[in-house]
PDB file of all heavy atoms in Angstrom:
ATOM      1  N   TYR A   1     -24.581  -0.998  -2.418  1.00  0.00           N
ATOM      2  CA  TYR A   1     -25.424  -2.206  -2.507  1.00  0.00           C
ATOM      3  C   TYR A   1     -25.190  -2.935  -3.828  1.00  0.00           C
ATOM      4  O   TYR A   1     -24.993  -4.155  -3.881  1.00  0.00           O
ATOM      5  CB  TYR A   1     -26.893  -1.834  -2.320  1.00  0.00           C
ATOM      6  CG  TYR A   1     -27.821  -3.003  -2.633  1.00  0.00           C
ATOM      7  CD1 TYR A   1     -27.862  -4.139  -1.843  1.00  0.00           C
ATOM      8  CD2 TYR A   1     -28.637  -2.974  -3.766  1.00  0.00           C
ATOM      9  CE1 TYR A   1     -28.706  -5.177  -2.135  1.00  0.00           C
ATOM     10  CE2 TYR A   1     -29.511  -3.998  -4.051  1.00  0.00           C
ATOM     11  CZ  TYR A   1     -29.518  -5.100  -3.236  1.00  0.00           C
ATOM     12  OH  TYR A   1     -30.334  -6.190  -3.612  1.00  0.00           O
ATOM     13  N   ARG A   2     -25.252  -2.162  -4.934  1.00  0.00           N
ATOM     14  CA  ARG A   2     -25.048  -2.815  -6.212  1.00  0.00           C
ATOM     15  C   ARG A   2     -23.678  -3.464  -6.358  1.00  0.00           C
ATOM     16  O   ARG A   2     -23.543  -4.561  -6.922  1.00  0.00           O
ATOM     17  CB  ARG A   2     -25.274  -1.760  -7.336  1.00  0.00           C
ATOM     18  CG  ARG A   2     -26.697  -1.294  -7.514  1.00  0.00           C
ATOM     19  CD  ARG A   2     -27.638  -2.430  -7.787  1.00  0.00           C
ATOM     20  NE  ARG A   2     -28.976  -1.972  -8.200  1.00  0.00           N
ATOM     21  CZ  ARG A   2     -30.016  -2.775  -8.353  1.00  0.00           C
ATOM     22  NH1 ARG A   2     -29.919  -4.069  -8.133  1.00  0.00           N
ATOM     23  NH2 ARG A   2     -31.209  -2.313  -8.727  1.00  0.00           N
ATOM     24  N   ALA A   3     -22.617  -2.772  -5.850  1.00  0.00           N
ATOM     25  CA  ALA A   3     -21.293  -3.328  -5.948  1.00  0.00           C
ATOM     26  C   ALA A   3     -21.173  -4.586  -5.086  1.00  0.00           C
ATOM     27  O   ALA A   3     -20.530  -5.576  -5.485  1.00  0.00           O
ATOM     28  CB  ALA A   3     -20.267  -2.293  -5.430  1.00  0.00           C
ATOM     29  N   ALA A   4     -21.836  -4.584  -3.913  1.00  0.00           N
ATOM     30  CA  ALA A   4     -21.769  -5.800  -3.040  1.00  0.00           C
ATOM     31  C   ALA A   4     -22.495  -6.986  -3.655  1.00  0.00           C
ATOM     32  O   ALA A   4     -22.097  -8.112  -3.581  1.00  0.00           O
ATOM     33  CB  ALA A   4     -22.378  -5.445  -1.677  1.00  0.00           C
ATOM     34  N   VAL A   5     -23.612  -6.682  -4.395  1.00  0.00           N
ATOM     35  CA  VAL A   5     -24.368  -7.744  -5.073  1.00  0.00           C
ATOM     36  C   VAL A   5     -23.486  -8.355  -6.145  1.00  0.00           C
ATOM     37  O   VAL A   5     -23.392  -9.567  -6.311  1.00  0.00           O
ATOM     38  CB  VAL A   5     -25.675  -7.177  -5.670  1.00  0.00           C
ATOM     39  CG1 VAL A   5     -26.281  -8.176  -6.644  1.00  0.00           C
ATOM     40  CG2 VAL A   5     -26.665  -6.870  -4.554  1.00  0.00           C
ATOM     41  N   ARG A   6     -22.852  -7.490  -6.967  1.00  0.00           N
ATOM     42  CA  ARG A   6     -22.015  -7.987  -8.057  1.00  0.00           C
ATOM     43  C   ARG A   6     -20.790  -8.739  -7.512  1.00  0.00           C
ATOM     44  O   ARG A   6     -20.304  -9.674  -8.145  1.00  0.00           O
ATOM     45  CB  ARG A   6     -21.631  -6.890  -9.005  1.00  0.00           C
ATOM     46  CG  ARG A   6     -22.780  -6.310  -9.815  1.00  0.00           C
ATOM     47  CD  ARG A   6     -23.512  -7.378 -10.642  1.00  0.00           C
ATOM     48  NE  ARG A   6     -22.660  -8.096 -11.503  1.00  0.00           N
ATOM     49  CZ  ARG A   6     -22.999  -9.213 -12.151  1.00  0.00           C
ATOM     50  NH1 ARG A   6     -24.197  -9.768 -11.956  1.00  0.00           N
ATOM     51  NH2 ARG A   6     -22.182  -9.851 -12.934  1.00  0.00           N
ATOM     52  N   ALA A   7     -20.250  -8.257  -6.395  1.00  0.00           N
ATOM     53  CA  ALA A   7     -19.148  -8.951  -5.781  1.00  0.00           C
ATOM     54  C   ALA A   7     -19.502 -10.375  -5.369  1.00  0.00           C
ATOM     55  O   ALA A   7     -18.788 -11.346  -5.608  1.00  0.00           O
ATOM     56  CB  ALA A   7     -18.602  -8.189  -4.557  1.00  0.00           C
ATOM     57  N   LYS A   8     -20.713 -10.497  -4.809  1.00  0.00           N
ATOM     58  CA  LYS A   8     -21.251 -11.831  -4.454  1.00  0.00           C
ATOM     59  C   LYS A   8     -21.417 -12.717  -5.651  1.00  0.00           C
ATOM     60  O   LYS A   8     -21.026 -13.878  -5.642  1.00  0.00           O
ATOM     61  CB  LYS A   8     -22.583 -11.644  -3.731  1.00  0.00           C
ATOM     62  CG  LYS A   8     -23.258 -12.959  -3.355  1.00  0.00           C
ATOM     63  CD  LYS A   8     -24.687 -12.647  -2.903  1.00  0.00           C
ATOM     64  CE  LYS A   8     -25.599 -12.170  -3.949  1.00  0.00           C
ATOM     65  NZ  LYS A   8     -27.005 -11.929  -3.509  1.00  0.00           N
ATOM     66  N   VAL A   9     -21.972 -12.179  -6.751  1.00  0.00           N
ATOM     67  CA  VAL A   9     -22.177 -12.973  -7.954  1.00  0.00           C
ATOM     68  C   VAL A   9     -20.855 -13.414  -8.529  1.00  0.00           C
ATOM     69  O   VAL A   9     -20.697 -14.581  -8.979  1.00  0.00           O
ATOM     70  CB  VAL A   9     -23.014 -12.145  -8.995  1.00  0.00           C
ATOM     71  CG1 VAL A   9     -23.057 -12.895 -10.318  1.00  0.00           C
ATOM     72  CG2 VAL A   9     -24.428 -11.872  -8.483  1.00  0.00           C
ATOM     73  N   ALA A  10     -19.885 -12.513  -8.586  1.00  0.00           N
ATOM     74  CA  ALA A  10     -18.577 -12.900  -9.075  1.00  0.00           C
ATOM     75  C   ALA A  10     -17.911 -13.959  -8.208  1.00  0.00           C
ATOM     76  O   ALA A  10     -17.289 -14.900  -8.779  1.00  0.00           O
ATOM     77  CB  ALA A  10     -17.661 -11.639  -9.098  1.00  0.00           C
ATOM     78  N   ALA A  11     -18.122 -13.904  -6.907  1.00  0.00           N
ATOM     79  CA  ALA A  11     -17.553 -14.910  -6.030  1.00  0.00           C
ATOM     80  C   ALA A  11     -18.226 -16.257  -6.264  1.00  0.00           C
ATOM     81  O   ALA A  11     -17.562 -17.336  -6.242  1.00  0.00           O
ATOM     82  CB  ALA A  11     -17.715 -14.474  -4.550  1.00  0.00           C
ATOM     83  N   LEU A  12     -19.521 -16.241  -6.456  1.00  0.00           N
ATOM     84  CA  LEU A  12     -20.252 -17.460  -6.769  1.00  0.00           C
ATOM     85  C   LEU A  12     -19.689 -18.168  -7.996  1.00  0.00           C
ATOM     86  O   LEU A  12     -19.496 -19.386  -8.049  1.00  0.00           O
ATOM     87  CB  LEU A  12     -21.737 -17.203  -6.920  1.00  0.00           C
ATOM     88  CG  LEU A  12     -22.549 -16.987  -5.633  1.00  0.00           C
ATOM     89  CD1 LEU A  12     -23.859 -16.386  -5.940  1.00  0.00           C
ATOM     90  CD2 LEU A  12     -22.676 -18.297  -4.846  1.00  0.00           C
ATOM     91  N   MET A  13     -19.459 -17.364  -9.033  1.00  0.00           N
ATOM     92  CA  MET A  13     -18.893 -17.910 -10.253  1.00  0.00           C
ATOM     93  C   MET A  13     -17.474 -18.400 -10.053  1.00  0.00           C
ATOM     94  O   MET A  13     -17.073 -19.430 -10.609  1.00  0.00           O
ATOM     95  CB  MET A  13     -18.969 -16.847 -11.391  1.00  0.00           C
ATOM     96  CG  MET A  13     -20.389 -16.467 -11.791  1.00  0.00           C
ATOM     97  SD  MET A  13     -20.425 -15.411 -13.222  1.00  0.00           S
ATOM     98  CE  MET A  13     -19.801 -16.457 -14.492  1.00  0.00           C
ATOM     99  N   ALA A  14     -16.695 -17.650  -9.275  1.00  0.00           N
ATOM    100  CA  ALA A  14     -15.311 -18.016  -9.036  1.00  0.00           C
ATOM    101  C   ALA A  14     -15.219 -19.355  -8.299  1.00  0.00           C
ATOM    102  O   ALA A  14     -14.310 -20.169  -8.502  1.00  0.00           O
ATOM    103  CB  ALA A  14     -14.596 -16.945  -8.267  1.00  0.00           C
ATOM    104  N   GLN A  15     -16.193 -19.574  -7.394  1.00  0.00           N
ATOM    105  CA  GLN A  15     -16.148 -20.776  -6.520  1.00  0.00           C
ATOM    106  C   GLN A  15     -16.886 -21.980  -7.113  1.00  0.00           C
ATOM    107  O   GLN A  15     -16.789 -23.044  -6.556  1.00  0.00           O
ATOM    108  CB  GLN A  15     -16.722 -20.372  -5.162  1.00  0.00           C
ATOM    109  CG  GLN A  15     -15.884 -19.384  -4.395  1.00  0.00           C
ATOM    110  CD  GLN A  15     -16.520 -18.959  -3.108  1.00  0.00           C
ATOM    111  OE1 GLN A  15     -17.362 -19.665  -2.534  1.00  0.00           O
ATOM    112  NE2 GLN A  15     -16.115 -17.829  -2.561  1.00  0.00           N
ATOM    113  N   SER A  16     -17.587 -21.756  -8.238  1.00  0.00           N
ATOM    114  CA  SER A  16     -18.292 -22.859  -8.829  1.00  0.00           C
ATOM    115  C   SER A  16     -17.326 -23.895  -9.437  1.00  0.00           C
ATOM    116  O   SER A  16     -16.388 -23.511 -10.157  1.00  0.00           O
ATOM    117  CB  SER A  16     -19.255 -22.341  -9.894  1.00  0.00           C
ATOM    118  OG  SER A  16     -19.790 -23.420 -10.650  1.00  0.00           O
ATOM    119  N   PRO A  17     -17.527 -25.182  -9.204  1.00  0.00           N
ATOM    120  CA  PRO A  17     -16.645 -26.231  -9.784  1.00  0.00           C
ATOM    121  C   PRO A  17     -16.744 -26.284 -11.304  1.00  0.00           C
ATOM    122  O   PRO A  17     -15.873 -26.834 -11.935  1.00  0.00           O
ATOM    123  CB  PRO A  17     -17.110 -27.489  -9.112  1.00  0.00           C
ATOM    124  CG  PRO A  17     -18.509 -27.257  -8.639  1.00  0.00           C
ATOM    125  CD  PRO A  17     -18.544 -25.764  -8.328  1.00  0.00           C
ATOM    126  N   ASP A  18     -17.795 -25.728 -11.837  1.00  0.00           N
ATOM    127  CA  ASP A  18     -17.996 -25.759 -13.312  1.00  0.00           C
ATOM    128  C   ASP A  18     -17.259 -24.647 -14.034  1.00  0.00           C
ATOM    129  O   ASP A  18     -17.207 -24.605 -15.242  1.00  0.00           O
ATOM    130  CB  ASP A  18     -19.480 -25.670 -13.635  1.00  0.00           C
ATOM    131  CG  ASP A  18     -20.282 -26.848 -13.112  1.00  0.00           C
ATOM    132  OD1 ASP A  18     -19.684 -27.916 -12.999  1.00  0.00           O
ATOM    133  OD2 ASP A  18     -21.452 -26.658 -12.759  1.00  0.00           O
ATOM    134  N   THR A  19     -16.701 -23.661 -13.277  1.00  0.00           N
ATOM    135  CA  THR A  19     -16.048 -22.518 -13.871  1.00  0.00           C
ATOM    136  C   THR A  19     -14.625 -22.850 -14.234  1.00  0.00           C
ATOM    137  O   THR A  19     -13.876 -23.261 -13.370  1.00  0.00           O
ATOM    138  CB  THR A  19     -16.090 -21.286 -12.948  1.00  0.00           C
ATOM    139  OG1 THR A  19     -17.436 -21.015 -12.556  1.00  0.00           O
ATOM    140  CG2 THR A  19     -15.474 -20.087 -13.601  1.00  0.00           C
ATOM    141  N   PRO A  20     -14.183 -22.656 -15.496  1.00  0.00           N
ATOM    142  CA  PRO A  20     -12.802 -22.916 -15.905  1.00  0.00           C
ATOM    143  C   PRO A  20     -11.843 -22.078 -15.051  1.00  0.00           C
ATOM    144  O   PRO A  20     -12.188 -20.973 -14.622  1.00  0.00           O
ATOM    145  CB  PRO A  20     -12.755 -22.483 -17.389  1.00  0.00           C
ATOM    146  CG  PRO A  20     -14.174 -22.575 -17.847  1.00  0.00           C
ATOM    147  CD  PRO A  20     -15.036 -22.240 -16.662  1.00  0.00           C
ATOM    148  N   GLY A  21     -10.605 -22.560 -14.873  1.00  0.00           N
ATOM    149  CA  GLY A  21      -9.612 -21.913 -14.016  1.00  0.00           C
ATOM    150  C   GLY A  21      -9.362 -20.507 -14.334  1.00  0.00           C
ATOM    151  O   GLY A  21      -9.314 -19.646 -13.426  1.00  0.00           O
ATOM    152  N   ASP A  22      -9.182 -20.152 -15.633  1.00  0.00           N
ATOM    153  CA  ASP A  22      -8.843 -18.752 -15.954  1.00  0.00           C
ATOM    154  C   ASP A  22     -10.061 -17.841 -15.710  1.00  0.00           C
ATOM    155  O   ASP A  22      -9.870 -16.684 -15.247  1.00  0.00           O
ATOM    156  CB  ASP A  22      -8.419 -18.660 -17.437  1.00  0.00           C
ATOM    157  CG  ASP A  22      -9.477 -19.195 -18.387  1.00  0.00           C
ATOM    158  OD1 ASP A  22     -10.288 -20.016 -17.967  1.00  0.00           O
ATOM    159  OD2 ASP A  22      -9.453 -18.817 -19.584  1.00  0.00           O
ATOM    160  N   VAL A  23     -11.246 -18.320 -15.943  1.00  0.00           N
ATOM    161  CA  VAL A  23     -12.457 -17.532 -15.692  1.00  0.00           C
ATOM    162  C   VAL A  23     -12.615 -17.392 -14.179  1.00  0.00           C
ATOM    163  O   VAL A  23     -12.991 -16.265 -13.700  1.00  0.00           O
ATOM    164  CB  VAL A  23     -13.684 -18.171 -16.291  1.00  0.00           C
ATOM    165  CG1 VAL A  23     -14.961 -17.426 -15.929  1.00  0.00           C
ATOM    166  CG2 VAL A  23     -13.554 -18.265 -17.808  1.00  0.00           C
ATOM    167  N   ALA A  24     -12.360 -18.416 -13.437  1.00  0.00           N
ATOM    168  CA  ALA A  24     -12.476 -18.338 -11.960  1.00  0.00           C
ATOM    169  C   ALA A  24     -11.527 -17.310 -11.386  1.00  0.00           C
ATOM    170  O   ALA A  24     -11.917 -16.539 -10.490  1.00  0.00           O
ATOM    171  CB  ALA A  24     -12.233 -19.717 -11.345  1.00  0.00           C
ATOM    172  N   ARG A  25     -10.324 -17.254 -11.873  1.00  0.00           N
ATOM    173  CA  ARG A  25      -9.358 -16.274 -11.398  1.00  0.00           C
ATOM    174  C   ARG A  25      -9.790 -14.893 -11.742  1.00  0.00           C
ATOM    175  O   ARG A  25      -9.637 -13.948 -10.935  1.00  0.00           O
ATOM    176  CB  ARG A  25      -7.967 -16.583 -11.930  1.00  0.00           C
ATOM    177  CG  ARG A  25      -7.284 -17.823 -11.337  1.00  0.00           C
ATOM    178  CD  ARG A  25      -5.855 -17.947 -11.806  1.00  0.00           C
ATOM    179  NE  ARG A  25      -5.767 -18.323 -13.215  1.00  0.00           N
ATOM    180  CZ  ARG A  25      -5.830 -19.592 -13.680  1.00  0.00           C
ATOM    181  NH1 ARG A  25      -5.964 -20.584 -12.814  1.00  0.00           N
ATOM    182  NH2 ARG A  25      -5.728 -19.848 -14.932  1.00  0.00           N
ATOM    183  N   ALA A  26     -10.278 -14.651 -12.907  1.00  0.00           N
ATOM    184  CA  ALA A  26     -10.811 -13.364 -13.359  1.00  0.00           C
ATOM    185  C   ALA A  26     -11.932 -12.921 -12.456  1.00  0.00           C
ATOM    186  O   ALA A  26     -12.077 -11.786 -12.063  1.00  0.00           O
ATOM    187  CB  ALA A  26     -11.157 -13.364 -14.832  1.00  0.00           C
ATOM    188  N   LYS A  27     -12.864 -13.844 -12.171  1.00  0.00           N
ATOM    189  CA  LYS A  27     -14.025 -13.525 -11.358  1.00  0.00           C
ATOM    190  C   LYS A  27     -13.592 -13.255  -9.909  1.00  0.00           C
ATOM    191  O   LYS A  27     -14.199 -12.354  -9.238  1.00  0.00           O
ATOM    192  CB  LYS A  27     -15.036 -14.669 -11.395  1.00  0.00           C
ATOM    193  CG  LYS A  27     -15.805 -14.754 -12.688  1.00  0.00           C
ATOM    194  CD  LYS A  27     -16.642 -13.493 -12.940  1.00  0.00           C
ATOM    195  CE  LYS A  27     -17.290 -13.447 -14.262  1.00  0.00           C
ATOM    196  NZ  LYS A  27     -18.032 -12.103 -14.505  1.00  0.00           N
ATOM    197  N   GLN A  28     -12.578 -13.948  -9.401  1.00  0.00           N
ATOM    198  CA  GLN A  28     -12.107 -13.649  -8.063  1.00  0.00           C
ATOM    199  C   GLN A  28     -11.523 -12.201  -8.002  1.00  0.00           C
ATOM    200  O   GLN A  28     -11.792 -11.477  -7.042  1.00  0.00           O
ATOM    201  CB  GLN A  28     -11.017 -14.674  -7.672  1.00  0.00           C
ATOM    202  CG  GLN A  28     -10.392 -14.409  -6.307  1.00  0.00           C
ATOM    203  CD  GLN A  28     -11.399 -14.382  -5.152  1.00  0.00           C
ATOM    204  OE1 GLN A  28     -12.431 -15.085  -5.258  1.00  0.00           O
ATOM    205  NE2 GLN A  28     -11.112 -13.592  -4.149  1.00  0.00           N
ATOM    206  N   ALA A  29     -10.767 -11.862  -9.048  1.00  0.00           N
ATOM    207  CA  ALA A  29     -10.176 -10.517  -9.074  1.00  0.00           C
ATOM    208  C   ALA A  29     -11.347  -9.465  -9.201  1.00  0.00           C
ATOM    209  O   ALA A  29     -11.282  -8.419  -8.529  1.00  0.00           O
ATOM    210  CB  ALA A  29      -9.269 -10.370 -10.245  1.00  0.00           C
ATOM    211  N   GLU A  30     -12.369  -9.788  -9.993  1.00  0.00           N
ATOM    212  CA  GLU A  30     -13.501  -8.887 -10.089  1.00  0.00           C
ATOM    213  C   GLU A  30     -14.235  -8.736  -8.775  1.00  0.00           C
ATOM    214  O   GLU A  30     -14.588  -7.609  -8.344  1.00  0.00           O
ATOM    215  CB  GLU A  30     -14.433  -9.458 -11.144  1.00  0.00           C
ATOM    216  CG  GLU A  30     -15.695  -8.619 -11.363  1.00  0.00           C
ATOM    217  CD  GLU A  30     -16.679  -9.260 -12.332  1.00  0.00           C
ATOM    218  OE1 GLU A  30     -16.235  -9.992 -13.266  1.00  0.00           O
ATOM    219  OE2 GLU A  30     -17.900  -9.022 -12.213  1.00  0.00           O
ATOM    220  N   CYS A  31     -14.388  -9.832  -8.047  1.00  0.00           N
ATOM    221  CA  CYS A  31     -15.009  -9.802  -6.714  1.00  0.00           C
ATOM    222  C   CYS A  31     -14.274  -8.857  -5.772  1.00  0.00           C
ATOM    223  O   CYS A  31     -14.881  -7.992  -5.124  1.00  0.00           O
ATOM    224  CB  CYS A  31     -15.060 -11.212  -6.156  1.00  0.00           C
ATOM    225  SG  CYS A  31     -15.596 -11.253  -4.432  1.00  0.00           S
ATOM    226  N   GLU A  32     -12.980  -8.976  -5.712  1.00  0.00           N
ATOM    227  CA  GLU A  32     -12.179  -8.157  -4.813  1.00  0.00           C
ATOM    228  C   GLU A  32     -12.208  -6.676  -5.211  1.00  0.00           C
ATOM    229  O   GLU A  32     -12.301  -5.780  -4.388  1.00  0.00           O
ATOM    230  CB  GLU A  32     -10.742  -8.661  -4.782  1.00  0.00           C
ATOM    231  CG  GLU A  32     -10.623 -10.063  -4.135  1.00  0.00           C
ATOM    232  CD  GLU A  32      -9.202 -10.581  -4.134  1.00  0.00           C
ATOM    233  OE1 GLU A  32      -8.266  -9.757  -4.251  1.00  0.00           O
ATOM    234  OE2 GLU A  32      -9.031 -11.831  -4.034  1.00  0.00           O
ATOM    235  N   SER A  33     -12.206  -6.407  -6.514  1.00  0.00           N
ATOM    236  CA  SER A  33     -12.279  -5.052  -7.034  1.00  0.00           C
ATOM    237  C   SER A  33     -13.632  -4.393  -6.656  1.00  0.00           C
ATOM    238  O   SER A  33     -13.707  -3.239  -6.181  1.00  0.00           O
ATOM    239  CB  SER A  33     -12.074  -4.989  -8.511  1.00  0.00           C
ATOM    240  OG  SER A  33     -12.257  -3.707  -9.038  1.00  0.00           O
ATOM    241  N   LEU A  34     -14.694  -5.121  -6.857  1.00  0.00           N
ATOM    242  CA  LEU A  34     -16.021  -4.631  -6.519  1.00  0.00           C
ATOM    243  C   LEU A  34     -16.199  -4.440  -5.035  1.00  0.00           C
ATOM    244  O   LEU A  34     -16.905  -3.501  -4.613  1.00  0.00           O
ATOM    245  CB  LEU A  34     -17.090  -5.612  -7.096  1.00  0.00           C
ATOM    246  CG  LEU A  34     -17.295  -5.578  -8.587  1.00  0.00           C
ATOM    247  CD1 LEU A  34     -18.070  -6.804  -9.075  1.00  0.00           C
ATOM    248  CD2 LEU A  34     -18.010  -4.323  -9.043  1.00  0.00           C
ATOM    249  N   TRP A  35     -15.602  -5.318  -4.277  1.00  0.00           N
ATOM    250  CA  TRP A  35     -15.688  -5.117  -2.777  1.00  0.00           C
ATOM    251  C   TRP A  35     -15.003  -3.848  -2.349  1.00  0.00           C
ATOM    252  O   TRP A  35     -15.531  -3.118  -1.540  1.00  0.00           O
ATOM    253  CB  TRP A  35     -15.081  -6.345  -2.092  1.00  0.00           C
ATOM    254  CG  TRP A  35     -15.373  -6.284  -0.604  1.00  0.00           C
ATOM    255  CD1 TRP A  35     -14.502  -5.813   0.365  1.00  0.00           C
ATOM    256  CD2 TRP A  35     -16.567  -6.635   0.020  1.00  0.00           C
ATOM    257  NE1 TRP A  35     -15.146  -5.897   1.574  1.00  0.00           N
ATOM    258  CE2 TRP A  35     -16.389  -6.377   1.405  1.00  0.00           C
ATOM    259  CE3 TRP A  35     -17.832  -7.125  -0.399  1.00  0.00           C
ATOM    260  CZ2 TRP A  35     -17.399  -6.633   2.365  1.00  0.00           C
ATOM    261  CZ3 TRP A  35     -18.786  -7.404   0.527  1.00  0.00           C
ATOM    262  CH2 TRP A  35     -18.625  -7.125   1.879  1.00  0.00           C
ATOM    263  N   ARG A  36     -13.840  -3.562  -2.975  1.00  0.00           N
ATOM    264  CA  ARG A  36     -13.146  -2.322  -2.639  1.00  0.00           C
ATOM    265  C   ARG A  36     -13.993  -1.078  -3.023  1.00  0.00           C
ATOM    266  O   ARG A  36     -14.005  -0.070  -2.327  1.00  0.00           O
ATOM    267  CB  ARG A  36     -11.778  -2.265  -3.341  1.00  0.00           C
ATOM    268  CG  ARG A  36     -10.723  -3.220  -2.759  1.00  0.00           C
ATOM    269  CD  ARG A  36      -9.330  -2.908  -3.258  1.00  0.00           C
ATOM    270  NE  ARG A  36      -9.248  -3.090  -4.693  1.00  0.00           N
ATOM    271  CZ  ARG A  36      -8.915  -4.254  -5.276  1.00  0.00           C
ATOM    272  NH1 ARG A  36      -8.686  -5.341  -4.506  1.00  0.00           N
ATOM    273  NH2 ARG A  36      -8.828  -4.366  -6.574  1.00  0.00           N
ATOM    274  N   LEU A  37     -14.682  -1.228  -4.159  1.00  0.00           N
ATOM    275  CA  LEU A  37     -15.585  -0.131  -4.585  1.00  0.00           C
ATOM    276  C   LEU A  37     -16.679   0.077  -3.582  1.00  0.00           C
ATOM    277  O   LEU A  37     -17.009   1.238  -3.205  1.00  0.00           O
ATOM    278  CB  LEU A  37     -16.164  -0.419  -5.996  1.00  0.00           C
ATOM    279  CG  LEU A  37     -16.946   0.667  -6.672  1.00  0.00           C
ATOM    280  CD1 LEU A  37     -16.904   0.439  -8.162  1.00  0.00           C
ATOM    281  CD2 LEU A  37     -18.350   0.758  -6.220  1.00  0.00           C
ATOM    282  N   ALA A  38     -17.283  -1.029  -3.086  1.00  0.00           N
ATOM    283  CA  ALA A  38     -18.359  -0.945  -2.087  1.00  0.00           C
ATOM    284  C   ALA A  38     -17.805  -0.288  -0.796  1.00  0.00           C
ATOM    285  O   ALA A  38     -18.454   0.559  -0.205  1.00  0.00           O
ATOM    286  CB  ALA A  38     -18.890  -2.355  -1.796  1.00  0.00           C
ATOM    287  N   GLU A  39     -16.613  -0.633  -0.394  1.00  0.00           N
ATOM    288  CA  GLU A  39     -16.022  -0.090   0.784  1.00  0.00           C
ATOM    289  C   GLU A  39     -15.721   1.386   0.666  1.00  0.00           C
ATOM    290  O   GLU A  39     -15.765   2.169   1.593  1.00  0.00           O
ATOM    291  CB  GLU A  39     -14.727  -0.817   1.178  1.00  0.00           C
ATOM    292  CG  GLU A  39     -14.970  -2.222   1.756  1.00  0.00           C
ATOM    293  CD  GLU A  39     -13.704  -2.939   2.147  1.00  0.00           C
ATOM    294  OE1 GLU A  39     -12.665  -2.754   1.403  1.00  0.00           O
ATOM    295  OE2 GLU A  39     -13.679  -3.625   3.150  1.00  0.00           O
ATOM    296  N   SER A  40     -15.412   1.806  -0.576  1.00  0.00           N
ATOM    297  CA  SER A  40     -15.085   3.248  -0.796  1.00  0.00           C
ATOM    298  C   SER A  40     -16.258   4.142  -0.559  1.00  0.00           C
ATOM    299  O   SER A  40     -16.139   5.342  -0.324  1.00  0.00           O
ATOM    300  CB  SER A  40     -14.594   3.443  -2.240  1.00  0.00           C
ATOM    301  OG  SER A  40     -15.633   3.314  -3.182  1.00  0.00           O
TER     302      SER A  40
END
């Protein structure tokens, strides 16, 4: 549950138009990593 919550938050930041490109890419990678952790 905690990993899925943080994956969601990272995705929100990645998809926000106010997030700089490098930060958005890092947050997208973080989202995918946290999702894999949740699936594990």
